Amino acid sequence: MDISTNTVLKQNTAKTKYPEARVIVLDDNFNTFQHVANCLLIIIPGMSEKRSWDLAVKVDKTGSAEVWRGPFEQAELYHQQLVSKGLTMAPLEKT
């Protein structure tokens, strides 16, 4: 086996991490706690009712809350769905 073949094999085994992103809801003066919590409950997979309310309170008290983190394409989908429900969103943050 020559060196170039060995090098190619090593390159093929290198793993590239799939880009991830953070979905962040921002505080505003027009969405209610109920609306924010309901949107999170409906759109974000695995979201519990308690967690959705906790996040809605955090958005109000601190100005923002990370509501989901994961693969970039899924983050884009959740971000778009939350925007379509009228939530004020930060731009997606790649991690």
PDB file of N, CA and C in Angstrom:
ATOM      1  N   MET A   1       0.855  -1.186   0.000  1.00  0.00           N
ATOM      2  CA  MET A   1       0.000   0.000   0.000  1.00  0.00           C
ATOM      3  C   MET A   1       0.890   1.236   0.000  1.00  0.00           C
ATOM      4  N   ASP A   2       0.606   2.151  -0.910  1.00  0.00           N
ATOM      5  CA  ASP A   2       1.439   3.350  -0.940  1.00  0.00           C
ATOM      6  C   ASP A   2       0.875   4.413   0.000  1.00  0.00           C
ATOM      7  N   ILE A   3       1.639   5.450   0.242  1.00  0.00           N
ATOM      8  CA  ILE A   3       1.292   6.476   1.230  1.00  0.00           C
ATOM      9  C   ILE A   3       0.018   7.234   0.840  1.00  0.00           C
ATOM     10  N   SER A   4      -0.167   7.532  -0.459  1.00  0.00           N
ATOM     11  CA  SER A   4      -1.336   8.307  -0.873  1.00  0.00           C
ATOM     12  C   SER A   4      -2.640   7.559  -0.591  1.00  0.00           C
ATOM     13  N   THR A   5      -2.666   6.239  -0.761  1.00  0.00           N
ATOM     14  CA  THR A   5      -3.861   5.451  -0.461  1.00  0.00           C
ATOM     15  C   THR A   5      -4.151   5.488   1.030  1.00  0.00           C
ATOM     16  N   ASN A   6      -3.127   5.338   1.825  1.00  0.00           N
ATOM     17  CA  ASN A   6      -3.270   5.388   3.274  1.00  0.00           C
ATOM     18  C   ASN A   6      -3.821   6.746   3.719  1.00  0.00           C
ATOM     19  N   THR A   7      -3.329   7.814   3.123  1.00  0.00           N
ATOM     20  CA  THR A   7      -3.790   9.152   3.464  1.00  0.00           C
ATOM     21  C   THR A   7      -5.263   9.329   3.106  1.00  0.00           C
ATOM     22  N   VAL A   8      -5.679   8.861   1.943  1.00  0.00           N
ATOM     23  CA  VAL A   8      -7.072   8.978   1.527  1.00  0.00           C
ATOM     24  C   VAL A   8      -7.976   8.231   2.493  1.00  0.00           C
ATOM     25  N   LEU A   9      -7.584   7.050   2.924  1.00  0.00           N
ATOM     26  CA  LEU A   9      -8.385   6.284   3.869  1.00  0.00           C
ATOM     27  C   LEU A   9      -8.553   7.044   5.183  1.00  0.00           C
ATOM     28  N   LYS A  10      -7.507   7.670   5.637  1.00  0.00           N
ATOM     29  CA  LYS A  10      -7.603   8.434   6.882  1.00  0.00           C
ATOM     30  C   LYS A  10      -8.547   9.624   6.726  1.00  0.00           C
ATOM     31  N   GLN A  11      -8.519  10.285   5.575  1.00  0.00           N
ATOM     32  CA  GLN A  11      -9.410  11.420   5.351  1.00  0.00           C
ATOM     33  C   GLN A  11     -10.867  10.972   5.334  1.00  0.00           C
ATOM     34  N   ASN A  12     -11.140   9.813   4.774  1.00  0.00           N
ATOM     35  CA  ASN A  12     -12.511   9.328   4.698  1.00  0.00           C
ATOM     36  C   ASN A  12     -13.076   8.957   6.061  1.00  0.00           C
ATOM     37  N   THR A  13     -12.212   8.619   6.999  1.00  0.00           N
ATOM     38  CA  THR A  13     -12.698   8.231   8.317  1.00  0.00           C
ATOM     39  C   THR A  13     -12.858   9.434   9.257  1.00  0.00           C
ATOM     40  N   ALA A  14     -12.394  10.602   8.826  1.00  0.00           N
ATOM     41  CA  ALA A  14     -12.545  11.797   9.656  1.00  0.00           C
ATOM     42  C   ALA A  14     -14.023  12.169   9.728  1.00  0.00           C
ATOM     43  N   LYS A  15     -14.511  12.472  10.929  1.00  0.00           N
ATOM     44  CA  LYS A  15     -15.922  12.818  11.110  1.00  0.00           C
ATOM     45  C   LYS A  15     -16.070  14.331  11.188  1.00  0.00           C
ATOM     46  N   THR A  16     -17.033  14.832  10.456  1.00  0.00           N
ATOM     47  CA  THR A  16     -17.344  16.243  10.492  1.00  0.00           C
ATOM     48  C   THR A  16     -18.613  16.418  11.310  1.00  0.00           C
ATOM     49  N   LYS A  17     -18.568  17.317  12.274  1.00  0.00           N
ATOM     50  CA  LYS A  17     -19.736  17.548  13.126  1.00  0.00           C
ATOM     51  C   LYS A  17     -20.782  18.336  12.342  1.00  0.00           C
ATOM     52  N   TYR A  18     -22.016  17.860  12.389  1.00  0.00           N
ATOM     53  CA  TYR A  18     -23.125  18.542  11.734  1.00  0.00           C
ATOM     54  C   TYR A  18     -23.376  19.852  12.477  1.00  0.00           C
ATOM     55  N   PRO A  19     -23.573  20.953  11.749  1.00  0.00           N
ATOM     56  CA  PRO A  19     -23.768  22.235  12.440  1.00  0.00           C
ATOM     57  C   PRO A  19     -25.031  22.229  13.295  1.00  0.00           C
ATOM     58  N   GLU A  20     -24.922  22.828  14.454  1.00  0.00           N
ATOM     59  CA  GLU A  20     -26.055  22.949  15.362  1.00  0.00           C
ATOM     60  C   GLU A  20     -26.410  24.415  15.529  1.00  0.00           C
ATOM     61  N   ALA A  21     -27.606  24.667  16.043  1.00  0.00           N
ATOM     62  CA  ALA A  21     -28.053  26.041  16.259  1.00  0.00           C
ATOM     63  C   ALA A  21     -28.922  26.116  17.504  1.00  0.00           C
ATOM     64  N   ARG A  22     -29.032  27.332  18.011  1.00  0.00           N
ATOM     65  CA  ARG A  22     -29.881  27.624  19.165  1.00  0.00           C
ATOM     66  C   ARG A  22     -31.105  28.389  18.692  1.00  0.00           C
ATOM     67  N   VAL A  23     -32.280  28.015  19.188  1.00  0.00           N
ATOM     68  CA  VAL A  23     -33.524  28.719  18.894  1.00  0.00           C
ATOM     69  C   VAL A  23     -33.862  29.547  20.134  1.00  0.00           C
ATOM     70  N   ILE A  24     -33.927  30.867  19.950  1.00  0.00           N
ATOM     71  CA  ILE A  24     -34.099  31.782  21.085  1.00  0.00           C
ATOM     72  C   ILE A  24     -35.320  32.663  20.867  1.00  0.00           C
ATOM     73  N   VAL A  25     -36.218  32.651  21.846  1.00  0.00           N
ATOM     74  CA  VAL A  25     -37.402  33.511  21.832  1.00  0.00           C
ATOM     75  C   VAL A  25     -37.064  34.795  22.593  1.00  0.00           C
ATOM     76  N   LEU A  26     -37.479  35.929  22.036  1.00  0.00           N
ATOM     77  CA  LEU A  26     -37.237  37.231  22.658  1.00  0.00           C
ATOM     78  C   LEU A  26     -38.518  37.785  23.273  1.00  0.00           C
ATOM     79  N   ASP A  27     -38.356  38.603  24.294  1.00  0.00           N
ATOM     80  CA  ASP A  27     -39.488  39.254  24.943  1.00  0.00           C
ATOM     81  C   ASP A  27     -40.046  40.341  24.021  1.00  0.00           C
ATOM     82  N   ASP A  28     -41.332  40.550  24.079  1.00  0.00           N
ATOM     83  CA  ASP A  28     -41.970  41.641  23.347  1.00  0.00           C
ATOM     84  C   ASP A  28     -43.151  42.141  24.176  1.00  0.00           C
ATOM     85  N   ASN A  29     -43.828  43.138  23.665  1.00  0.00           N
ATOM     86  CA  ASN A  29     -44.936  43.745  24.425  1.00  0.00           C
ATOM     87  C   ASN A  29     -46.312  43.290  23.963  1.00  0.00           C
ATOM     88  N   PHE A  30     -46.369  42.268  23.098  1.00  0.00           N
ATOM     89  CA  PHE A  30     -47.685  41.896  22.586  1.00  0.00           C
ATOM     90  C   PHE A  30     -48.032  40.421  22.719  1.00  0.00           C
ATOM     91  N   ASN A  31     -47.075  39.521  22.867  1.00  0.00           N
ATOM     92  CA  ASN A  31     -47.398  38.104  23.055  1.00  0.00           C
ATOM     93  C   ASN A  31     -47.608  37.804  24.535  1.00  0.00           C
ATOM     94  N   THR A  32     -48.681  37.077  24.831  1.00  0.00           N
ATOM     95  CA  THR A  32     -48.986  36.723  26.214  1.00  0.00           C
ATOM     96  C   THR A  32     -48.179  35.485  26.633  1.00  0.00           C
ATOM     97  N   PHE A  33     -48.102  35.285  27.947  1.00  0.00           N
ATOM     98  CA  PHE A  33     -47.467  34.073  28.470  1.00  0.00           C
ATOM     99  C   PHE A  33     -48.131  32.841  27.868  1.00  0.00           C
ATOM    100  N   GLN A  34     -49.463  32.868  27.871  1.00  0.00           N
ATOM    101  CA  GLN A  34     -50.237  31.727  27.368  1.00  0.00           C
ATOM    102  C   GLN A  34     -49.884  31.422  25.908  1.00  0.00           C
ATOM    103  N   HIS A  35     -49.804  32.468  25.090  1.00  0.00           N
ATOM    104  CA  HIS A  35     -49.499  32.259  23.671  1.00  0.00           C
ATOM    105  C   HIS A  35     -48.088  31.685  23.491  1.00  0.00           C
ATOM    106  N   VAL A  36     -47.124  32.261  24.177  1.00  0.00           N
ATOM    107  CA  VAL A  36     -45.739  31.769  24.071  1.00  0.00           C
ATOM    108  C   VAL A  36     -45.660  30.319  24.532  1.00  0.00           C
ATOM    109  N   ALA A  37     -46.225  30.033  25.685  1.00  0.00           N
ATOM    110  CA  ALA A  37     -46.181  28.667  26.227  1.00  0.00           C
ATOM    111  C   ALA A  37     -46.880  27.677  25.289  1.00  0.00           C
ATOM    112  N   ASN A  38     -48.045  28.053  24.756  1.00  0.00           N
ATOM    113  CA  ASN A  38     -48.767  27.170  23.841  1.00  0.00           C
ATOM    114  C   ASN A  38     -47.979  26.904  22.569  1.00  0.00           C
ATOM    115  N   CYS A  39     -47.365  27.935  22.008  1.00  0.00           N
ATOM    116  CA  CYS A  39     -46.563  27.769  20.793  1.00  0.00           C
ATOM    117  C   CYS A  39     -45.397  26.812  21.042  1.00  0.00           C
ATOM    118  N   LEU A  40     -44.722  26.986  22.160  1.00  0.00           N
ATOM    119  CA  LEU A  40     -43.592  26.102  22.483  1.00  0.00           C
ATOM    120  C   LEU A  40     -44.071  24.667  22.654  1.00  0.00           C
ATOM    121  N   LEU A  41     -45.184  24.505  23.328  1.00  0.00           N
ATOM    122  CA  LEU A  41     -45.743  23.171  23.579  1.00  0.00           C
ATOM    123  C   LEU A  41     -46.109  22.467  22.274  1.00  0.00           C
ATOM    124  N   ILE A  42     -46.658  23.199  21.337  1.00  0.00           N
ATOM    125  CA  ILE A  42     -47.096  22.626  20.064  1.00  0.00           C
ATOM    126  C   ILE A  42     -45.928  22.367  19.113  1.00  0.00           C
ATOM    127  N   ILE A  43     -44.964  23.274  19.074  1.00  0.00           N
ATOM    128  CA  ILE A  43     -43.930  23.238  18.030  1.00  0.00           C
ATOM    129  C   ILE A  43     -42.663  22.495  18.442  1.00  0.00           C
ATOM    130  N   ILE A  44     -42.227  22.653  19.668  1.00  0.00           N
ATOM    131  CA  ILE A  44     -40.945  22.062  20.084  1.00  0.00           C
ATOM    132  C   ILE A  44     -41.175  20.631  20.564  1.00  0.00           C
ATOM    133  N   PRO A  45     -40.543  19.656  19.898  1.00  0.00           N
ATOM    134  CA  PRO A  45     -40.730  18.239  20.286  1.00  0.00           C
ATOM    135  C   PRO A  45     -40.276  17.983  21.726  1.00  0.00           C
ATOM    136  N   GLY A  46     -41.057  17.203  22.436  1.00  0.00           N
ATOM    137  CA  GLY A  46     -40.692  16.818  23.792  1.00  0.00           C
ATOM    138  C   GLY A  46     -40.917  17.902  24.838  1.00  0.00           C
ATOM    139  N   MET A  47     -41.521  19.020  24.434  1.00  0.00           N
ATOM    140  CA  MET A  47     -41.747  20.119  25.368  1.00  0.00           C
ATOM    141  C   MET A  47     -42.899  19.756  26.313  1.00  0.00           C
ATOM    142  N   SER A  48     -42.650  19.915  27.602  1.00  0.00           N
ATOM    143  CA  SER A  48     -43.719  19.677  28.581  1.00  0.00           C
ATOM    144  C   SER A  48     -44.446  20.991  28.854  1.00  0.00           C
ATOM    145  N   GLU A  49     -45.637  20.882  29.410  1.00  0.00           N
ATOM    146  CA  GLU A  49     -46.401  22.078  29.736  1.00  0.00           C
ATOM    147  C   GLU A  49     -45.665  22.923  30.775  1.00  0.00           C
ATOM    148  N   LYS A  50     -45.102  22.273  31.782  1.00  0.00           N
ATOM    149  CA  LYS A  50     -44.359  23.008  32.813  1.00  0.00           C
ATOM    150  C   LYS A  50     -43.151  23.731  32.229  1.00  0.00           C
ATOM    151  N   ARG A  51     -42.400  23.035  31.388  1.00  0.00           N
ATOM    152  CA  ARG A  51     -41.202  23.644  30.771  1.00  0.00           C
ATOM    153  C   ARG A  51     -41.597  24.819  29.872  1.00  0.00           C
ATOM    154  N   SER A  52     -42.690  24.674  29.133  1.00  0.00           N
ATOM    155  CA  SER A  52     -43.111  25.771  28.250  1.00  0.00           C
ATOM    156  C   SER A  52     -43.460  27.016  29.070  1.00  0.00           C
ATOM    157  N   TRP A  53     -44.128  26.824  30.218  1.00  0.00           N
ATOM    158  CA  TRP A  53     -44.442  27.958  31.087  1.00  0.00           C
ATOM    159  C   TRP A  53     -43.184  28.546  31.720  1.00  0.00           C
ATOM    160  N   ASP A  54     -42.271  27.682  32.157  1.00  0.00           N
ATOM    161  CA  ASP A  54     -41.004  28.164  32.733  1.00  0.00           C
ATOM    162  C   ASP A  54     -40.236  29.016  31.716  1.00  0.00           C
ATOM    163  N   LEU A  55     -40.220  28.561  30.464  1.00  0.00           N
ATOM    164  CA  LEU A  55     -39.511  29.318  29.418  1.00  0.00           C
ATOM    165  C   LEU A  55     -40.222  30.639  29.121  1.00  0.00           C
ATOM    166  N   ALA A  56     -41.548  30.637  29.112  1.00  0.00           N
ATOM    167  CA  ALA A  56     -42.299  31.881  28.885  1.00  0.00           C
ATOM    168  C   ALA A  56     -41.993  32.896  29.985  1.00  0.00           C
ATOM    169  N   VAL A  57     -41.916  32.438  31.223  1.00  0.00           N
ATOM    170  CA  VAL A  57     -41.571  33.325  32.347  1.00  0.00           C
ATOM    171  C   VAL A  57     -40.132  33.836  32.192  1.00  0.00           C
ATOM    172  N   LYS A  58     -39.216  32.956  31.789  1.00  0.00           N
ATOM    173  CA  LYS A  58     -37.818  33.368  31.600  1.00  0.00           C
ATOM    174  C   LYS A  58     -37.699  34.430  30.510  1.00  0.00           C
ATOM    175  N   VAL A  59     -38.442  34.259  29.424  1.00  0.00           N
ATOM    176  CA  VAL A  59     -38.439  35.263  28.346  1.00  0.00           C
ATOM    177  C   VAL A  59     -38.857  36.610  28.919  1.00  0.00           C
ATOM    178  N   ASP A  60     -39.919  36.630  29.715  1.00  0.00           N
ATOM    179  CA  ASP A  60     -40.418  37.879  30.289  1.00  0.00           C
ATOM    180  C   ASP A  60     -39.429  38.501  31.266  1.00  0.00           C
ATOM    181  N   LYS A  61     -38.840  37.684  32.122  1.00  0.00           N
ATOM    182  CA  LYS A  61     -37.965  38.212  33.183  1.00  0.00           C
ATOM    183  C   LYS A  61     -36.573  38.597  32.694  1.00  0.00           C
ATOM    184  N   THR A  62     -36.027  37.832  31.722  1.00  0.00           N
ATOM    185  CA  THR A  62     -34.638  38.080  31.300  1.00  0.00           C
ATOM    186  C   THR A  62     -34.522  38.655  29.892  1.00  0.00           C
ATOM    187  N   GLY A  63     -35.629  38.678  29.156  1.00  0.00           N
ATOM    188  CA  GLY A  63     -35.597  39.238  27.809  1.00  0.00           C
ATOM    189  C   GLY A  63     -35.436  38.205  26.703  1.00  0.00           C
ATOM    190  N   SER A  64     -35.026  36.977  27.072  1.00  0.00           N
ATOM    191  CA  SER A  64     -34.877  35.923  26.067  1.00  0.00           C
ATOM    192  C   SER A  64     -34.730  34.573  26.750  1.00  0.00           C
ATOM    193  N   ALA A  65     -34.959  33.521  25.958  1.00  0.00           N
ATOM    194  CA  ALA A  65     -34.743  32.161  26.463  1.00  0.00           C
ATOM    195  C   ALA A  65     -34.435  31.244  25.285  1.00  0.00           C
ATOM    196  N   GLU A  66     -33.436  30.394  25.500  1.00  0.00           N
ATOM    197  CA  GLU A  66     -33.149  29.353  24.519  1.00  0.00           C
ATOM    198  C   GLU A  66     -34.204  28.274  24.709  1.00  0.00           C
ATOM    199  N   VAL A  67     -34.978  28.008  23.656  1.00  0.00           N
ATOM    200  CA  VAL A  67     -36.068  27.045  23.777  1.00  0.00           C
ATOM    201  C   VAL A  67     -35.733  25.710  23.127  1.00  0.00           C
ATOM    202  N   TRP A  68     -34.699  25.678  22.301  1.00  0.00           N
ATOM    203  CA  TRP A  68     -34.283  24.428  21.662  1.00  0.00           C
ATOM    204  C   TRP A  68     -32.867  24.597  21.126  1.00  0.00           C
ATOM    205  N   ARG A  69     -32.121  23.480  21.134  1.00  0.00           N
ATOM    206  CA  ARG A  69     -30.766  23.450  20.557  1.00  0.00           C
ATOM    207  C   ARG A  69     -30.602  22.101  19.880  1.00  0.00           C
ATOM    208  N   GLY A  70     -30.056  22.119  18.670  1.00  0.00           N
ATOM    209  CA  GLY A  70     -29.856  20.872  17.948  1.00  0.00           C
ATOM    210  C   GLY A  70     -29.449  21.115  16.520  1.00  0.00           C
ATOM    211  N   PRO A  71     -29.635  20.111  15.662  1.00  0.00           N
ATOM    212  CA  PRO A  71     -29.220  20.223  14.261  1.00  0.00           C
ATOM    213  C   PRO A  71     -29.808  21.469  13.590  1.00  0.00           C
ATOM    214  N   PHE A  72     -28.976  22.120  12.792  1.00  0.00           N
ATOM    215  CA  PHE A  72     -29.325  23.407  12.192  1.00  0.00           C
ATOM    216  C   PHE A  72     -30.618  23.348  11.378  1.00  0.00           C
ATOM    217  N   GLU A  73     -30.801  22.315  10.569  1.00  0.00           N
ATOM    218  CA  GLU A  73     -32.002  22.237   9.728  1.00  0.00           C
ATOM    219  C   GLU A  73     -33.279  22.158  10.567  1.00  0.00           C
ATOM    220  N   GLN A  74     -33.242  21.385  11.648  1.00  0.00           N
ATOM    221  CA  GLN A  74     -34.406  21.324  12.541  1.00  0.00           C
ATOM    222  C   GLN A  74     -34.621  22.673  13.216  1.00  0.00           C
ATOM    223  N   ALA A  75     -33.531  23.310  13.622  1.00  0.00           N
ATOM    224  CA  ALA A  75     -33.621  24.627  14.265  1.00  0.00           C
ATOM    225  C   ALA A  75     -34.293  25.631  13.322  1.00  0.00           C
ATOM    226  N   GLU A  76     -33.933  25.569  12.045  1.00  0.00           N
ATOM    227  CA  GLU A  76     -34.556  26.463  11.063  1.00  0.00           C
ATOM    228  C   GLU A  76     -36.068  26.242  11.010  1.00  0.00           C
ATOM    229  N   LEU A  77     -36.474  24.986  11.000  1.00  0.00           N
ATOM    230  CA  LEU A  77     -37.896  24.650  10.947  1.00  0.00           C
ATOM    231  C   LEU A  77     -38.631  25.195  12.171  1.00  0.00           C
ATOM    232  N   TYR A  78     -38.127  24.916  13.373  1.00  0.00           N
ATOM    233  CA  TYR A  78     -38.781  25.377  14.598  1.00  0.00           C
ATOM    234  C   TYR A  78     -38.811  26.904  14.654  1.00  0.00           C
ATOM    235  N   HIS A  79     -37.716  27.532  14.239  1.00  0.00           N
ATOM    236  CA  HIS A  79     -37.614  28.989  14.216  1.00  0.00           C
ATOM    237  C   HIS A  79     -38.696  29.566  13.303  1.00  0.00           C
ATOM    238  N   GLN A  80     -38.814  29.027  12.103  1.00  0.00           N
ATOM    239  CA  GLN A  80     -39.825  29.505  11.144  1.00  0.00           C
ATOM    240  C   GLN A  80     -41.241  29.297  11.675  1.00  0.00           C
ATOM    241  N   GLN A  81     -41.485  28.155  12.292  1.00  0.00           N
ATOM    242  CA  GLN A  81     -42.818  27.876  12.833  1.00  0.00           C
ATOM    243  C   GLN A  81     -43.171  28.835  13.960  1.00  0.00           C
ATOM    244  N   LEU A  82     -42.208  29.132  14.825  1.00  0.00           N
ATOM    245  CA  LEU A  82     -42.456  30.069  15.926  1.00  0.00           C
ATOM    246  C   LEU A  82     -42.689  31.481  15.391  1.00  0.00           C
ATOM    247  N   VAL A  83     -41.926  31.878  14.381  1.00  0.00           N
ATOM    248  CA  VAL A  83     -42.132  33.185  13.747  1.00  0.00           C
ATOM    249  C   VAL A  83     -43.534  33.255  13.151  1.00  0.00           C
ATOM    250  N   SER A  84     -43.963  32.167  12.498  1.00  0.00           N
ATOM    251  CA  SER A  84     -45.285  32.162  11.861  1.00  0.00           C
ATOM    252  C   SER A  84     -46.414  32.286  12.883  1.00  0.00           C
ATOM    253  N   LYS A  85     -46.150  31.939  14.144  1.00  0.00           N
ATOM    254  CA  LYS A  85     -47.137  32.085  15.216  1.00  0.00           C
ATOM    255  C   LYS A  85     -47.082  33.474  15.855  1.00  0.00           C
ATOM    256  N   GLY A  86     -46.160  34.328  15.368  1.00  0.00           N
ATOM    257  CA  GLY A  86     -46.084  35.703  15.856  1.00  0.00           C
ATOM    258  C   GLY A  86     -45.080  35.937  16.972  1.00  0.00           C
ATOM    259  N   LEU A  87     -44.290  34.914  17.341  1.00  0.00           N
ATOM    260  CA  LEU A  87     -43.302  35.119  18.392  1.00  0.00           C
ATOM    261  C   LEU A  87     -42.132  35.954  17.866  1.00  0.00           C
ATOM    262  N   THR A  88     -41.552  36.733  18.736  1.00  0.00           N
ATOM    263  CA  THR A  88     -40.374  37.526  18.391  1.00  0.00           C
ATOM    264  C   THR A  88     -39.153  36.663  18.637  1.00  0.00           C
ATOM    265  N   MET A  89     -38.365  36.465  17.584  1.00  0.00           N
ATOM    266  CA  MET A  89     -37.255  35.511  17.631  1.00  0.00           C
ATOM    267  C   MET A  89     -35.930  36.194  17.375  1.00  0.00           C
ATOM    268  N   ALA A  90     -34.900  35.709  18.051  1.00  0.00           N
ATOM    269  CA  ALA A  90     -33.535  36.122  17.740  1.00  0.00           C
ATOM    270  C   ALA A  90     -33.119  35.369  16.481  1.00  0.00           C
ATOM    271  N   PRO A  91     -32.171  35.919  15.723  1.00  0.00           N
ATOM    272  CA  PRO A  91     -31.642  35.152  14.588  1.00  0.00           C
ATOM    273  C   PRO A  91     -31.066  33.835  15.101  1.00  0.00           C
ATOM    274  N   LEU A  92     -31.120  32.802  14.273  1.00  0.00           N
ATOM    275  CA  LEU A  92     -30.535  31.511  14.690  1.00  0.00           C
ATOM    276  C   LEU A  92     -29.071  31.691  15.018  1.00  0.00           C
ATOM    277  N   GLU A  93     -28.634  31.077  16.105  1.00  0.00           N
ATOM    278  CA  GLU A  93     -27.232  31.125  16.509  1.00  0.00           C
ATOM    279  C   GLU A  93     -26.611  29.763  16.298  1.00  0.00           C
ATOM    280  N   LYS A  94     -25.611  29.702  15.409  1.00  0.00           N
ATOM    281  CA  LYS A  94     -24.904  28.437  15.228  1.00  0.00           C
ATOM    282  C   LYS A  94     -24.010  28.198  16.443  1.00  0.00           C
ATOM    283  N   THR A  95     -23.946  26.937  16.873  1.00  0.00           N
ATOM    284  CA  THR A  95     -23.099  26.609  18.026  1.00  0.00           C
ATOM    285  C   THR A  95     -21.920  25.790  17.583  1.00  0.00           C
TER     286      THR A  95
END
